[in-house]
Amino acid sequence: MKNDWKKFVGSRDLPVKFLHKDEFAEQYPGREAEFPCAFLKKGDELELFISAGEINRTEDLEELKALVSRKIQELNLQELNAGEK
């Protein structure tokens, strides 16, 4: 893992686990996924967080970091809005 990416991931206050395709298939049998992608784990369920298409459209590490940051911000806003209802 690149040092800049490792620092970025570590600076987020989120538990992160990286899996290779074979590890993912072993831990989540029957779950379809197009890689690379990112999921959120909510209890025993996985929810797609960032799709392969979104990741593949990024041209460099800075764009990938911006995508992840934006998605985290969107998630936090959605959770806050859901809690207000």
Protein backbone atom coordinates (compact mmCIF):
# COMPACT_ATOMS: atom_id res chain seq x y z
CA MET A 1 0.00 0.00 0.00
CA LYS A 2 1.38 3.40 -0.94
CA ASN A 3 2.46 5.49 2.04
CA ASP A 4 0.30 8.50 1.04
CA TRP A 5 -2.79 6.28 0.74
CA LYS A 6 -1.98 4.57 4.04
CA LYS A 7 -1.76 7.96 5.79
CA PHE A 8 -5.03 9.09 4.21
CA VAL A 9 -6.90 5.95 5.27
CA GLY A 10 -5.40 6.13 8.76
CA SER A 11 -6.47 9.76 9.13
CA ARG A 12 -10.13 8.79 8.77
CA ASP A 13 -11.94 7.80 11.93
CA LEU A 14 -13.35 4.66 10.34
CA PRO A 15 -12.47 0.99 10.68
CA VAL A 16 -11.07 -0.17 7.34
CA LYS A 17 -10.34 -3.65 6.09
CA PHE A 18 -8.79 -4.36 2.69
CA LEU A 19 -9.57 -7.66 0.98
CA HIS A 20 -8.30 -9.21 -2.24
CA LYS A 21 -10.93 -10.77 -4.53
CA ASP A 22 -10.27 -14.28 -3.22
CA GLU A 23 -10.46 -13.13 0.40
CA PHE A 24 -13.71 -11.29 -0.30
CA ALA A 25 -15.22 -14.39 -1.96
CA GLU A 26 -14.16 -16.52 0.99
CA GLN A 27 -15.59 -14.16 3.62
CA TYR A 28 -18.74 -13.27 1.67
CA PRO A 29 -19.69 -16.35 -0.36
CA GLY A 30 -22.37 -15.68 -2.94
CA ARG A 31 -21.91 -11.90 -2.78
CA GLU A 32 -21.33 -10.48 -6.25
CA ALA A 33 -18.93 -7.57 -6.66
CA GLU A 34 -17.11 -5.81 -9.46
CA PHE A 35 -13.63 -4.83 -8.32
CA PRO A 36 -12.15 -2.50 -7.25
CA CYS A 37 -14.94 -1.34 -4.98
CA ALA A 38 -15.64 -0.39 -1.39
CA PHE A 39 -18.39 -1.59 0.90
CA LEU A 40 -19.79 -0.46 4.22
CA LYS A 41 -20.48 -3.22 6.70
CA LYS A 42 -23.64 -2.67 8.70
CA GLY A 43 -24.13 -5.55 11.08
CA ASP A 44 -23.93 -8.65 8.91
CA GLU A 45 -24.91 -6.77 5.74
CA LEU A 46 -22.69 -5.16 3.11
CA GLU A 47 -23.75 -1.96 1.36
CA LEU A 48 -21.91 -0.72 -1.71
CA PHE A 49 -20.06 2.46 -0.75
CA ILE A 50 -18.02 3.19 -3.89
CA SER A 51 -18.50 1.29 -7.14
CA ALA A 52 -15.79 0.00 -9.45
CA GLY A 53 -16.93 2.53 -12.07
CA GLU A 54 -16.48 5.43 -9.68
CA ILE A 55 -13.03 4.24 -8.64
CA ASN A 56 -11.94 3.55 -12.22
CA ARG A 57 -12.96 7.07 -13.29
CA THR A 58 -10.41 8.57 -10.89
CA GLU A 59 -7.18 9.45 -12.64
CA ASP A 60 -4.82 9.60 -9.68
CA LEU A 61 -4.52 9.19 -5.94
CA GLU A 62 -5.69 12.74 -5.22
CA GLU A 63 -8.94 12.15 -7.12
CA LEU A 64 -9.45 8.86 -5.31
CA LYS A 65 -8.93 10.53 -1.94
CA ALA A 66 -11.39 13.29 -2.93
CA LEU A 67 -13.95 10.66 -3.95
CA VAL A 68 -13.63 8.82 -0.65
CA SER A 69 -13.85 12.06 1.34
CA ARG A 70 -16.95 13.17 -0.60
CA LYS A 71 -18.65 9.81 -0.08
CA ILE A 72 -17.90 9.88 3.66
CA GLN A 73 -19.34 13.40 3.87
CA GLU A 74 -22.47 12.35 1.94
CA LEU A 75 -22.92 9.36 4.23
CA ASN A 76 -22.65 11.50 7.35
CA LEU A 77 -25.19 13.97 5.97
CA GLN A 78 -27.62 11.17 5.14
CA GLU A 79 -27.26 9.65 8.61
CA LEU A 80 -27.82 13.05 10.25
CA ASN A 81 -30.92 13.68 8.11
CA ALA A 82 -32.31 10.22 8.90
CA GLY A 83 -31.90 10.87 12.60
CA GLU A 84 -33.93 14.09 12.41
CA LYS A 85 -37.09 12.37 11.17
